[in-house]
Amino acid sequence: MKAVLQRVASASVTVDSNLVSSIGKGVLVFAAVAKDDTRKEVESMAAKVLKLKMWPDETGGTWKQNVQDINGEVLCVSQFTLLASTKKGNKPDFHGAAGGEEARELYDHFFAKVQELYEPGKVKNGVFQAMMEVNIQNSGPVGLDYTSHDEVVTLEIDTNPRNGQDANTKPGDGKGEHQQSKASADKEKRQVAESFQLPVELLD
């Protein structure tokens, strides 16, 4: 499962011009279920969403508090395009995303688990597979100063980071390792200051 979290001052979802959900200060979660995901990955992601330290503490220490610590809210939005592959050509390939009722069931379980682990009234939802308009409000500039308390913060979590690797690469294949290293370096260069990809096991 993959998710992108953004620290927000407020966020809302509308469908057909009708307000569906809205939150104040907290975290907006775009979540995608992969075709090989099970309830294990979904429940792990739900826990990480609530544990991820995205805010400073009262003393000004950075990356000290999670959404529960600040009594914030959570808005979950299903977003299968997070699992797009662009390895071949310029057309996104979405074969890595779960489909149909399987995706709906696991996403619903993810949302329910976030509610269960926090407070149901503080966890809001979008509409699965609907044409949603997501409105986000953040304060502060986007810059290189990671100590800023107001800048936009966007973090990516993947319960299985290896999903993006070339399935044809064999362990110990020097050529494959070189290609992976080059791809990894190119990816790091493209990353923006406010965005990080964190393997889920590093967030404990």
N, C-alpha and C. Protein backbone atom coordinates (compact mmCIF):
# COMPACT_ATOMS: atom_id res chain seq x y z
N MET A 1 0.85 -1.19 0.00
CA MET A 1 0.00 0.00 0.00
C MET A 1 0.88 1.24 0.00
N LYS A 2 0.43 2.25 -0.69
CA LYS A 2 1.19 3.49 -0.74
C LYS A 2 0.29 4.64 -0.31
N ALA A 3 0.88 5.60 0.39
CA ALA A 3 0.14 6.78 0.82
C ALA A 3 1.02 8.02 0.75
N VAL A 4 0.41 9.14 0.43
CA VAL A 4 1.07 10.43 0.47
C VAL A 4 0.33 11.28 1.50
N LEU A 5 1.08 11.77 2.49
CA LEU A 5 0.50 12.56 3.57
C LEU A 5 0.94 14.01 3.45
N GLN A 6 0.00 14.91 3.60
CA GLN A 6 0.33 16.33 3.60
C GLN A 6 -0.22 17.00 4.85
N ARG A 7 0.67 17.72 5.51
CA ARG A 7 0.27 18.50 6.68
C ARG A 7 -0.55 19.69 6.20
N VAL A 8 -1.75 19.87 6.75
CA VAL A 8 -2.63 20.92 6.25
C VAL A 8 -3.16 21.78 7.39
N ALA A 9 -3.48 23.03 7.03
CA ALA A 9 -4.21 23.90 7.95
C ALA A 9 -5.69 23.56 7.90
N SER A 10 -6.14 23.16 6.71
CA SER A 10 -7.51 22.67 6.51
C SER A 10 -7.57 21.97 5.16
N ALA A 11 -8.55 21.12 4.98
CA ALA A 11 -8.74 20.42 3.71
C ALA A 11 -10.19 19.97 3.62
N SER A 12 -10.67 19.82 2.38
CA SER A 12 -12.05 19.39 2.19
C SER A 12 -12.18 18.63 0.88
N VAL A 13 -13.24 17.86 0.77
CA VAL A 13 -13.55 17.10 -0.44
C VAL A 13 -14.98 17.42 -0.86
N THR A 14 -15.15 17.74 -2.14
CA THR A 14 -16.48 17.96 -2.69
C THR A 14 -16.70 17.01 -3.86
N VAL A 15 -17.94 16.58 -4.03
CA VAL A 15 -18.34 15.73 -5.16
C VAL A 15 -19.59 16.35 -5.77
N ASP A 16 -19.53 16.64 -7.06
CA ASP A 16 -20.66 17.29 -7.75
C ASP A 16 -21.08 18.57 -7.03
N SER A 17 -20.07 19.34 -6.62
CA SER A 17 -20.28 20.64 -5.95
C SER A 17 -20.86 20.51 -4.55
N ASN A 18 -20.98 19.30 -4.05
CA ASN A 18 -21.49 19.10 -2.69
C ASN A 18 -20.35 18.75 -1.74
N LEU A 19 -20.28 19.45 -0.62
CA LEU A 19 -19.25 19.18 0.36
C LEU A 19 -19.48 17.82 0.99
N VAL A 20 -18.46 16.96 0.92
CA VAL A 20 -18.55 15.61 1.47
C VAL A 20 -17.91 15.54 2.84
N SER A 21 -16.68 16.07 2.95
CA SER A 21 -15.94 16.02 4.22
C SER A 21 -15.03 17.22 4.30
N SER A 22 -14.72 17.63 5.53
CA SER A 22 -13.76 18.71 5.73
C SER A 22 -13.10 18.54 7.08
N ILE A 23 -11.84 18.99 7.18
CA ILE A 23 -11.11 18.96 8.43
C ILE A 23 -10.41 20.29 8.65
N GLY A 24 -10.03 20.52 9.90
CA GLY A 24 -9.19 21.67 10.21
C GLY A 24 -7.74 21.22 10.20
N LYS A 25 -6.97 21.69 11.15
CA LYS A 25 -5.56 21.35 11.22
C LYS A 25 -5.38 19.84 11.35
N GLY A 26 -4.51 19.29 10.52
CA GLY A 26 -4.28 17.86 10.59
C GLY A 26 -3.54 17.35 9.38
N VAL A 27 -3.93 16.17 8.91
CA VAL A 27 -3.21 15.54 7.81
C VAL A 27 -4.18 15.03 6.75
N LEU A 28 -3.86 15.33 5.50
CA LEU A 28 -4.59 14.81 4.36
C LEU A 28 -3.85 13.58 3.86
N VAL A 29 -4.57 12.48 3.69
CA VAL A 29 -3.95 11.21 3.29
C VAL A 29 -4.51 10.75 1.96
N PHE A 30 -3.65 10.71 0.93
CA PHE A 30 -4.02 10.07 -0.32
C PHE A 30 -3.52 8.64 -0.23
N ALA A 31 -4.41 7.66 -0.39
CA ALA A 31 -4.04 6.26 -0.18
C ALA A 31 -4.40 5.40 -1.37
N ALA A 32 -3.49 4.47 -1.71
CA ALA A 32 -3.71 3.56 -2.83
C ALA A 32 -3.43 2.13 -2.41
N VAL A 33 -4.30 1.23 -2.80
CA VAL A 33 -4.16 -0.19 -2.48
C VAL A 33 -3.55 -0.92 -3.67
N ALA A 34 -2.43 -1.62 -3.43
CA ALA A 34 -1.76 -2.38 -4.48
C ALA A 34 -2.42 -3.75 -4.63
N LYS A 35 -2.22 -4.37 -5.79
CA LYS A 35 -2.91 -5.62 -6.08
C LYS A 35 -2.49 -6.77 -5.16
N ASP A 36 -1.30 -6.70 -4.59
CA ASP A 36 -0.84 -7.76 -3.70
C ASP A 36 -1.04 -7.45 -2.22
N ASP A 37 -1.67 -6.34 -1.93
CA ASP A 37 -1.88 -5.95 -0.54
C ASP A 37 -2.89 -6.86 0.15
N THR A 38 -2.70 -7.01 1.45
CA THR A 38 -3.63 -7.74 2.30
C THR A 38 -4.02 -6.83 3.46
N ARG A 39 -4.80 -7.35 4.36
CA ARG A 39 -5.18 -6.56 5.54
C ARG A 39 -3.96 -6.21 6.39
N LYS A 40 -2.93 -7.03 6.31
CA LYS A 40 -1.72 -6.76 7.08
C LYS A 40 -1.10 -5.43 6.65
N GLU A 41 -0.93 -5.23 5.33
CA GLU A 41 -0.35 -3.98 4.84
C GLU A 41 -1.26 -2.79 5.14
N VAL A 42 -2.55 -3.01 4.98
CA VAL A 42 -3.52 -1.94 5.21
C VAL A 42 -3.51 -1.49 6.66
N GLU A 43 -3.47 -2.43 7.59
CA GLU A 43 -3.46 -2.09 9.01
C GLU A 43 -2.15 -1.45 9.43
N SER A 44 -1.05 -1.89 8.82
CA SER A 44 0.24 -1.27 9.09
C SER A 44 0.24 0.18 8.64
N MET A 45 -0.33 0.44 7.46
CA MET A 45 -0.39 1.81 6.95
C MET A 45 -1.26 2.68 7.84
N ALA A 46 -2.38 2.17 8.29
CA ALA A 46 -3.26 2.93 9.16
C ALA A 46 -2.54 3.38 10.43
N ALA A 47 -1.75 2.48 11.01
CA ALA A 47 -1.00 2.81 12.22
C ALA A 47 0.07 3.87 11.93
N LYS A 48 0.75 3.75 10.79
CA LYS A 48 1.82 4.68 10.45
C LYS A 48 1.29 6.08 10.19
N VAL A 49 0.12 6.16 9.59
CA VAL A 49 -0.49 7.47 9.33
C VAL A 49 -0.65 8.25 10.63
N LEU A 50 -1.02 7.54 11.68
CA LEU A 50 -1.25 8.21 12.96
C LEU A 50 0.04 8.41 13.76
N LYS A 51 1.07 7.62 13.49
CA LYS A 51 2.33 7.72 14.23
C LYS A 51 3.32 8.72 13.64
N LEU A 52 3.18 9.01 12.36
CA LEU A 52 4.18 9.82 11.68
C LEU A 52 4.29 11.21 12.30
N LYS A 53 5.50 11.57 12.72
CA LYS A 53 5.73 12.84 13.41
C LYS A 53 5.95 13.95 12.38
N MET A 54 4.98 14.83 12.25
CA MET A 54 4.99 15.87 11.23
C MET A 54 4.99 17.28 11.80
N TRP A 55 4.87 17.41 13.13
CA TRP A 55 4.77 18.73 13.74
C TRP A 55 5.83 18.93 14.83
N PRO A 56 6.17 20.17 15.12
CA PRO A 56 7.10 20.45 16.22
C PRO A 56 6.38 20.33 17.56
N ASP A 57 7.16 20.22 18.64
CA ASP A 57 6.54 20.19 19.96
C ASP A 57 6.49 21.59 20.54
N GLU A 58 6.04 21.69 21.79
CA GLU A 58 5.85 22.99 22.42
C GLU A 58 7.16 23.75 22.61
N THR A 59 8.28 23.03 22.65
CA THR A 59 9.57 23.68 22.85
C THR A 59 10.22 24.10 21.53
N GLY A 60 9.57 23.76 20.41
CA GLY A 60 10.12 24.12 19.12
C GLY A 60 10.92 23.01 18.48
N GLY A 61 11.03 21.87 19.16
CA GLY A 61 11.76 20.74 18.58
C GLY A 61 11.03 20.21 17.35
N THR A 62 11.73 20.03 16.25
CA THR A 62 11.09 19.64 15.00
C THR A 62 10.83 18.14 14.90
N TRP A 63 9.81 17.80 14.15
CA TRP A 63 9.43 16.41 13.90
C TRP A 63 9.25 15.64 15.20
N LYS A 64 8.46 16.20 16.09
CA LYS A 64 8.29 15.60 17.42
C LYS A 64 6.88 15.08 17.68
N GLN A 65 5.86 15.61 16.98
CA GLN A 65 4.49 15.25 17.31
C GLN A 65 3.74 14.70 16.10
N ASN A 66 2.89 13.71 16.37
CA ASN A 66 2.04 13.18 15.31
C ASN A 66 0.66 13.83 15.38
N VAL A 67 -0.22 13.43 14.49
CA VAL A 67 -1.53 14.08 14.41
C VAL A 67 -2.34 13.88 15.69
N GLN A 68 -2.13 12.76 16.36
CA GLN A 68 -2.83 12.54 17.62
C GLN A 68 -2.31 13.47 18.71
N ASP A 69 -1.00 13.68 18.73
CA ASP A 69 -0.39 14.54 19.74
C ASP A 69 -0.93 15.97 19.67
N ILE A 70 -1.23 16.45 18.45
CA ILE A 70 -1.72 17.83 18.31
C ILE A 70 -3.24 17.89 18.31
N ASN A 71 -3.88 16.74 18.54
CA ASN A 71 -5.34 16.66 18.54
C ASN A 71 -5.91 17.10 17.19
N GLY A 72 -5.19 16.73 16.13
CA GLY A 72 -5.60 17.13 14.79
C GLY A 72 -6.59 16.16 14.17
N GLU A 73 -6.93 16.44 12.92
CA GLU A 73 -7.89 15.61 12.20
C GLU A 73 -7.23 14.93 11.01
N VAL A 74 -7.90 13.91 10.48
CA VAL A 74 -7.38 13.15 9.35
C VAL A 74 -8.44 13.08 8.26
N LEU A 75 -8.04 13.39 7.03
CA LEU A 75 -8.93 13.25 5.88
C LEU A 75 -8.32 12.24 4.92
N CYS A 76 -9.01 11.12 4.72
CA CYS A 76 -8.52 10.06 3.84
C CYS A 76 -9.19 10.15 2.47
N VAL A 77 -8.38 10.02 1.43
CA VAL A 77 -8.89 10.08 0.06
C VAL A 77 -8.28 8.94 -0.74
N SER A 78 -9.10 8.13 -1.37
CA SER A 78 -8.57 7.04 -2.19
C SER A 78 -7.96 7.61 -3.47
N GLN A 79 -6.78 7.11 -3.85
CA GLN A 79 -6.07 7.68 -5.00
C GLN A 79 -5.21 6.59 -5.63
N PHE A 80 -5.81 5.79 -6.52
CA PHE A 80 -5.09 4.66 -7.10
C PHE A 80 -3.94 5.09 -8.00
N THR A 81 -3.95 6.34 -8.49
CA THR A 81 -2.89 6.78 -9.41
C THR A 81 -1.53 6.87 -8.73
N LEU A 82 -1.47 6.78 -7.41
CA LEU A 82 -0.18 6.76 -6.73
C LEU A 82 0.65 5.55 -7.14
N LEU A 83 -0.02 4.52 -7.62
CA LEU A 83 0.66 3.29 -7.99
C LEU A 83 0.98 3.20 -9.48
N ALA A 84 0.92 4.32 -10.16
CA ALA A 84 1.22 4.33 -11.59
C ALA A 84 2.67 3.96 -11.85
N SER A 85 2.89 3.19 -12.91
CA SER A 85 4.24 2.89 -13.37
C SER A 85 4.47 3.62 -14.68
N THR A 86 5.64 4.26 -14.81
CA THR A 86 5.97 4.99 -16.03
C THR A 86 7.28 4.48 -16.62
N LYS A 87 7.57 3.20 -16.38
CA LYS A 87 8.83 2.63 -16.86
C LYS A 87 8.89 2.55 -18.38
N LYS A 88 7.73 2.31 -19.01
CA LYS A 88 7.71 2.15 -20.45
C LYS A 88 6.88 3.26 -21.09
N GLY A 89 7.53 4.06 -21.95
CA GLY A 89 6.82 5.12 -22.64
C GLY A 89 6.36 6.22 -21.70
N ASN A 90 5.38 6.98 -22.14
CA ASN A 90 4.90 8.12 -21.38
C ASN A 90 3.47 7.96 -20.88
N LYS A 91 2.90 6.79 -21.13
CA LYS A 91 1.54 6.53 -20.67
C LYS A 91 1.58 5.76 -19.36
N PRO A 92 0.96 6.28 -18.30
CA PRO A 92 0.98 5.59 -17.01
C PRO A 92 0.33 4.21 -17.10
N ASP A 93 0.92 3.27 -16.39
CA ASP A 93 0.40 1.91 -16.32
C ASP A 93 -0.08 1.67 -14.89
N PHE A 94 -1.33 1.26 -14.75
CA PHE A 94 -1.91 1.11 -13.42
C PHE A 94 -2.16 -0.36 -13.05
N HIS A 95 -1.43 -1.27 -13.69
CA HIS A 95 -1.64 -2.69 -13.40
C HIS A 95 -1.23 -3.05 -11.97
N GLY A 96 -0.42 -2.21 -11.32
CA GLY A 96 0.01 -2.50 -9.96
C GLY A 96 -1.04 -2.19 -8.92
N ALA A 97 -2.10 -1.49 -9.32
CA ALA A 97 -3.15 -1.11 -8.37
C ALA A 97 -4.22 -2.19 -8.29
N ALA A 98 -4.72 -2.41 -7.10
CA ALA A 98 -5.83 -3.36 -6.93
C ALA A 98 -7.07 -2.77 -7.59
N GLY A 99 -7.97 -3.63 -8.03
CA GLY A 99 -9.15 -3.13 -8.70
C GLY A 99 -10.44 -3.69 -8.13
N GLY A 100 -11.53 -3.10 -8.55
CA GLY A 100 -12.86 -3.60 -8.21
C GLY A 100 -13.15 -3.66 -6.73
N GLU A 101 -13.88 -4.70 -6.36
CA GLU A 101 -14.33 -4.84 -4.98
C GLU A 101 -13.19 -5.10 -4.01
N GLU A 102 -12.11 -5.72 -4.49
CA GLU A 102 -10.96 -5.96 -3.62
C GLU A 102 -10.38 -4.64 -3.14
N ALA A 103 -10.20 -3.70 -4.06
CA ALA A 103 -9.65 -2.40 -3.70
C ALA A 103 -10.59 -1.66 -2.75
N ARG A 104 -11.88 -1.71 -3.05
CA ARG A 104 -12.86 -1.03 -2.19
C ARG A 104 -12.84 -1.61 -0.78
N GLU A 105 -12.84 -2.94 -0.69
CA GLU A 105 -12.87 -3.60 0.62
C GLU A 105 -11.64 -3.24 1.45
N LEU A 106 -10.46 -3.28 0.83
CA LEU A 106 -9.23 -2.98 1.58
C LEU A 106 -9.13 -1.50 1.92
N TYR A 107 -9.54 -0.63 1.01
CA TYR A 107 -9.52 0.80 1.34
C TYR A 107 -10.49 1.09 2.49
N ASP A 108 -11.67 0.52 2.43
CA ASP A 108 -12.65 0.73 3.51
C ASP A 108 -12.10 0.22 4.84
N HIS A 109 -11.38 -0.90 4.78
CA HIS A 109 -10.78 -1.44 6.00
C HIS A 109 -9.70 -0.50 6.53
N PHE A 110 -8.92 0.08 5.62
CA PHE A 110 -7.90 1.06 6.00
C PHE A 110 -8.55 2.24 6.72
N PHE A 111 -9.58 2.81 6.13
CA PHE A 111 -10.27 3.96 6.73
C PHE A 111 -10.84 3.60 8.11
N ALA A 112 -11.50 2.44 8.18
CA ALA A 112 -12.09 2.00 9.45
C ALA A 112 -11.01 1.79 10.51
N LYS A 113 -9.84 1.31 10.10
CA LYS A 113 -8.76 1.06 11.05
C LYS A 113 -8.19 2.38 11.59
N VAL A 114 -8.06 3.38 10.72
CA VAL A 114 -7.60 4.69 11.19
C VAL A 114 -8.58 5.24 12.22
N GLN A 115 -9.87 5.09 11.95
CA GLN A 115 -10.88 5.54 12.91
C GLN A 115 -10.77 4.77 14.23
N GLU A 116 -10.59 3.48 14.12
CA GLU A 116 -10.51 2.63 15.32
C GLU A 116 -9.31 2.99 16.18
N LEU A 117 -8.17 3.30 15.54
CA LEU A 117 -6.95 3.58 16.28
C LEU A 117 -6.91 5.02 16.81
N TYR A 118 -7.81 5.86 16.33
CA TYR A 118 -7.82 7.26 16.78
C TYR A 118 -9.19 7.55 17.38
N GLU A 119 -9.85 8.61 16.90
CA GLU A 119 -11.21 8.95 17.31
C GLU A 119 -12.06 9.04 16.05
N PRO A 120 -13.12 8.25 15.94
CA PRO A 120 -13.91 8.22 14.71
C PRO A 120 -14.35 9.60 14.22
N GLY A 121 -14.69 10.49 15.15
CA GLY A 121 -15.16 11.81 14.76
C GLY A 121 -14.08 12.70 14.16
N LYS A 122 -12.82 12.33 14.37
CA LYS A 122 -11.71 13.12 13.84
C LYS A 122 -11.15 12.58 12.54
N VAL A 123 -11.72 11.50 12.05
CA VAL A 123 -11.23 10.87 10.81
C VAL A 123 -12.33 10.92 9.77
N LYS A 124 -12.09 11.65 8.69
CA LYS A 124 -13.09 11.84 7.63
C LYS A 124 -12.66 11.12 6.36
N ASN A 125 -13.62 10.97 5.45
CA ASN A 125 -13.38 10.17 4.25
C ASN A 125 -13.87 10.89 3.01
N GLY A 126 -13.26 10.54 1.87
CA GLY A 126 -13.77 10.99 0.59
C GLY A 126 -14.80 9.99 0.10
N VAL A 127 -14.98 9.90 -1.21
CA VAL A 127 -15.92 8.94 -1.80
C VAL A 127 -15.15 8.05 -2.76
N PHE A 128 -15.13 6.78 -2.49
CA PHE A 128 -14.33 5.83 -3.29
C PHE A 128 -14.78 5.86 -4.74
N GLN A 129 -13.81 6.00 -5.66
CA GLN A 129 -14.01 5.98 -7.11
C GLN A 129 -14.88 7.12 -7.64
N ALA A 130 -15.08 8.15 -6.83
CA ALA A 130 -15.86 9.30 -7.30
C ALA A 130 -14.93 10.36 -7.88
N MET A 131 -15.48 11.25 -8.69
CA MET A 131 -14.74 12.40 -9.20
C MET A 131 -14.73 13.46 -8.10
N MET A 132 -13.66 13.47 -7.33
CA MET A 132 -13.59 14.35 -6.17
C MET A 132 -12.76 15.60 -6.46
N GLU A 133 -13.16 16.69 -5.85
CA GLU A 133 -12.37 17.91 -5.83
C GLU A 133 -11.82 18.06 -4.42
N VAL A 134 -10.50 18.06 -4.32
CA VAL A 134 -9.85 18.16 -3.01
C VAL A 134 -9.26 19.55 -2.86
N ASN A 135 -9.70 20.24 -1.83
CA ASN A 135 -9.20 21.59 -1.56
C ASN A 135 -8.30 21.57 -0.35
N ILE A 136 -7.12 22.15 -0.50
CA ILE A 136 -6.10 22.12 0.55
C ILE A 136 -5.67 23.54 0.90
N GLN A 137 -5.55 23.82 2.17
CA GLN A 137 -5.03 25.11 2.61
C GLN A 137 -3.81 24.87 3.49
N ASN A 138 -2.71 25.47 3.09
CA ASN A 138 -1.48 25.42 3.88
C ASN A 138 -0.99 26.83 4.10
N SER A 139 -0.17 27.00 5.12
CA SER A 139 0.42 28.31 5.38
C SER A 139 1.93 28.21 5.32
N GLY A 140 2.57 29.31 4.97
CA GLY A 140 4.02 29.34 4.94
C GLY A 140 4.58 28.98 3.59
N PRO A 141 5.82 29.41 3.31
CA PRO A 141 6.46 29.14 2.03
C PRO A 141 7.01 27.72 1.94
N VAL A 142 7.22 27.26 0.72
CA VAL A 142 7.90 26.00 0.50
C VAL A 142 9.37 26.32 0.30
N GLY A 143 10.22 25.84 1.21
CA GLY A 143 11.62 26.21 1.11
C GLY A 143 12.54 25.08 1.50
N LEU A 144 13.81 25.38 1.63
CA LEU A 144 14.81 24.38 1.97
C LEU A 144 15.04 24.27 3.47
N ASP A 145 14.40 25.13 4.24
CA ASP A 145 14.60 25.13 5.68
C ASP A 145 13.67 24.12 6.33
N TYR A 146 14.18 22.94 6.64
CA TYR A 146 13.36 21.89 7.22
C TYR A 146 12.94 22.20 8.66
N THR A 147 13.51 23.23 9.26
CA THR A 147 13.17 23.56 10.64
C THR A 147 11.97 24.48 10.71
N SER A 148 11.50 24.99 9.58
CA SER A 148 10.35 25.87 9.58
C SER A 148 9.11 25.11 10.04
N HIS A 149 8.33 25.73 10.93
CA HIS A 149 7.16 25.08 11.47
C HIS A 149 5.94 25.26 10.58
N ASP A 150 5.99 26.16 9.62
CA ASP A 150 4.82 26.48 8.83
C ASP A 150 4.90 26.04 7.38
N GLU A 151 6.06 25.60 6.94
CA GLU A 151 6.19 25.26 5.53
C GLU A 151 5.40 24.01 5.18
N VAL A 152 5.08 23.89 3.91
CA VAL A 152 4.35 22.73 3.43
C VAL A 152 5.18 21.47 3.65
N VAL A 153 4.56 20.44 4.17
CA VAL A 153 5.24 19.17 4.40
C VAL A 153 4.46 18.07 3.70
N THR A 154 5.12 17.32 2.82
CA THR A 154 4.50 16.21 2.11
C THR A 154 5.40 14.98 2.24
N LEU A 155 4.86 13.90 2.76
CA LEU A 155 5.63 12.68 2.99
C LEU A 155 4.97 11.49 2.30
N GLU A 156 5.80 10.60 1.80
CA GLU A 156 5.30 9.40 1.14
C GLU A 156 5.68 8.16 1.94
N ILE A 157 4.72 7.26 2.11
CA ILE A 157 4.96 6.01 2.81
C ILE A 157 4.56 4.86 1.90
N ASP A 158 5.39 3.83 1.86
CA ASP A 158 5.09 2.65 1.06
C ASP A 158 5.34 1.41 1.92
N THR A 159 4.33 0.57 2.08
CA THR A 159 4.52 -0.62 2.90
C THR A 159 5.39 -1.65 2.20
N ASN A 160 5.63 -1.47 0.91
CA ASN A 160 6.49 -2.38 0.16
C ASN A 160 7.29 -1.58 -0.85
N PRO A 161 8.38 -0.90 -0.42
CA PRO A 161 9.17 -0.05 -1.31
C PRO A 161 9.72 -0.76 -2.52
N ARG A 162 9.88 -2.09 -2.46
CA ARG A 162 10.46 -2.83 -3.58
C ARG A 162 9.50 -2.94 -4.75
N ASN A 163 8.25 -2.54 -4.58
CA ASN A 163 7.29 -2.65 -5.67
C ASN A 163 7.75 -1.91 -6.91
N GLY A 164 8.53 -0.84 -6.72
CA GLY A 164 8.92 -0.02 -7.85
C GLY A 164 10.14 -0.52 -8.58
N GLN A 165 10.79 -1.60 -8.10
CA GLN A 165 12.00 -2.10 -8.73
C GLN A 165 11.68 -2.98 -9.92
N ASP A 166 12.64 -3.10 -10.81
CA ASP A 166 12.49 -3.92 -12.00
C ASP A 166 12.39 -5.38 -11.60
N ALA A 167 11.27 -6.02 -11.93
CA ALA A 167 11.05 -7.41 -11.52
C ALA A 167 12.02 -8.36 -12.21
N ASN A 168 12.66 -7.93 -13.30
CA ASN A 168 13.57 -8.80 -14.03
C ASN A 168 14.99 -8.76 -13.49
N THR A 169 15.26 -7.87 -12.56
CA THR A 169 16.60 -7.76 -11.99
C THR A 169 16.83 -8.88 -10.99
N LYS A 170 17.92 -9.61 -11.17
CA LYS A 170 18.23 -10.73 -10.28
C LYS A 170 19.25 -10.32 -9.23
N PRO A 171 19.11 -10.83 -7.99
CA PRO A 171 20.08 -10.53 -6.95
C PRO A 171 21.48 -10.92 -7.42
N GLY A 172 22.46 -10.05 -7.19
CA GLY A 172 23.82 -10.36 -7.55
C GLY A 172 24.16 -10.00 -8.98
N ASP A 173 23.19 -9.53 -9.76
CA ASP A 173 23.44 -9.13 -11.14
C ASP A 173 24.05 -7.75 -11.14
N GLY A 174 25.35 -7.68 -11.42
CA GLY A 174 26.05 -6.39 -11.34
C GLY A 174 25.42 -5.33 -12.21
N LYS A 175 25.00 -5.70 -13.41
CA LYS A 175 24.40 -4.74 -14.31
C LYS A 175 23.10 -4.20 -13.72
N GLY A 176 22.31 -5.12 -13.16
CA GLY A 176 21.05 -4.70 -12.57
C GLY A 176 21.27 -3.78 -11.39
N GLU A 177 22.29 -4.11 -10.55
CA GLU A 177 22.58 -3.28 -9.39
C GLU A 177 23.02 -1.90 -9.82
N HIS A 178 23.83 -1.83 -10.89
CA HIS A 178 24.28 -0.53 -11.38
C HIS A 178 23.10 0.29 -11.87
N GLN A 179 22.17 -0.35 -12.58
CA GLN A 179 21.01 0.36 -13.09
C GLN A 179 20.14 0.85 -11.94
N GLN A 180 19.99 0.01 -10.90
CA GLN A 180 19.20 0.43 -9.75
C GLN A 180 19.85 1.61 -9.05
N SER A 181 21.19 1.58 -8.90
CA SER A 181 21.89 2.67 -8.23
C SER A 181 21.73 3.97 -9.00
N LYS A 182 21.85 3.89 -10.33
CA LYS A 182 21.70 5.09 -11.16
C LYS A 182 20.29 5.63 -11.07
N ALA A 183 19.30 4.71 -11.12
CA ALA A 183 17.91 5.15 -11.03
C ALA A 183 17.64 5.80 -9.68
N SER A 184 18.24 5.21 -8.63
CA SER A 184 18.05 5.77 -7.29
C SER A 184 18.65 7.16 -7.18
N ALA A 185 19.84 7.35 -7.76
CA ALA A 185 20.48 8.67 -7.72
C ALA A 185 19.67 9.69 -8.49
N ASP A 186 19.16 9.29 -9.66
CA ASP A 186 18.34 10.20 -10.47
C ASP A 186 17.08 10.60 -9.72
N LYS A 187 16.50 9.64 -8.99
CA LYS A 187 15.28 9.92 -8.25
C LYS A 187 15.54 10.94 -7.15
N GLU A 188 16.67 10.79 -6.44
CA GLU A 188 17.00 11.71 -5.36
C GLU A 188 17.15 13.13 -5.89
N LYS A 189 17.71 13.26 -7.07
CA LYS A 189 17.89 14.59 -7.65
C LYS A 189 16.57 15.26 -7.96
N ARG A 190 15.55 14.43 -8.27
CA ARG A 190 14.27 14.99 -8.64
C ARG A 190 13.41 15.35 -7.45
N GLN A 191 13.76 14.86 -6.28
CA GLN A 191 12.92 15.11 -5.10
C GLN A 191 12.94 16.59 -4.72
N VAL A 192 11.76 17.12 -4.34
CA VAL A 192 11.67 18.50 -3.89
C VAL A 192 11.88 18.56 -2.39
N ALA A 193 12.12 19.77 -1.90
CA ALA A 193 12.52 19.93 -0.51
C ALA A 193 11.48 19.44 0.47
N GLU A 194 10.18 19.57 0.12
CA GLU A 194 9.17 19.23 1.09
C GLU A 194 8.68 17.81 0.97
N SER A 195 9.32 16.99 0.13
CA SER A 195 8.82 15.65 -0.10
C SER A 195 9.90 14.62 0.19
N PHE A 196 9.53 13.59 0.97
CA PHE A 196 10.45 12.52 1.32
C PHE A 196 9.76 11.19 1.09
N GLN A 197 10.54 10.16 0.76
CA GLN A 197 9.99 8.81 0.71
C GLN A 197 10.62 8.02 1.83
N LEU A 198 9.77 7.57 2.76
CA LEU A 198 10.28 6.90 3.95
C LEU A 198 9.81 5.45 3.94
N PRO A 199 10.75 4.48 3.94
CA PRO A 199 10.33 3.08 4.10
C PRO A 199 9.56 2.94 5.40
N VAL A 200 8.47 2.23 5.37
CA VAL A 200 7.57 2.18 6.51
C VAL A 200 8.25 1.67 7.77
N GLU A 201 9.25 0.78 7.61
CA GLU A 201 9.89 0.22 8.82
C GLU A 201 10.75 1.25 9.55
N LEU A 202 11.10 2.36 8.91
CA LEU A 202 11.92 3.36 9.58
C LEU A 202 11.11 4.30 10.45
N LEU A 203 9.80 4.19 10.41
CA LEU A 203 8.95 5.13 11.11
C LEU A 203 8.54 4.66 12.49
N ASP A 204 8.99 3.47 12.89
CA ASP A 204 8.64 2.96 14.23
C ASP A 204 9.28 3.82 15.29
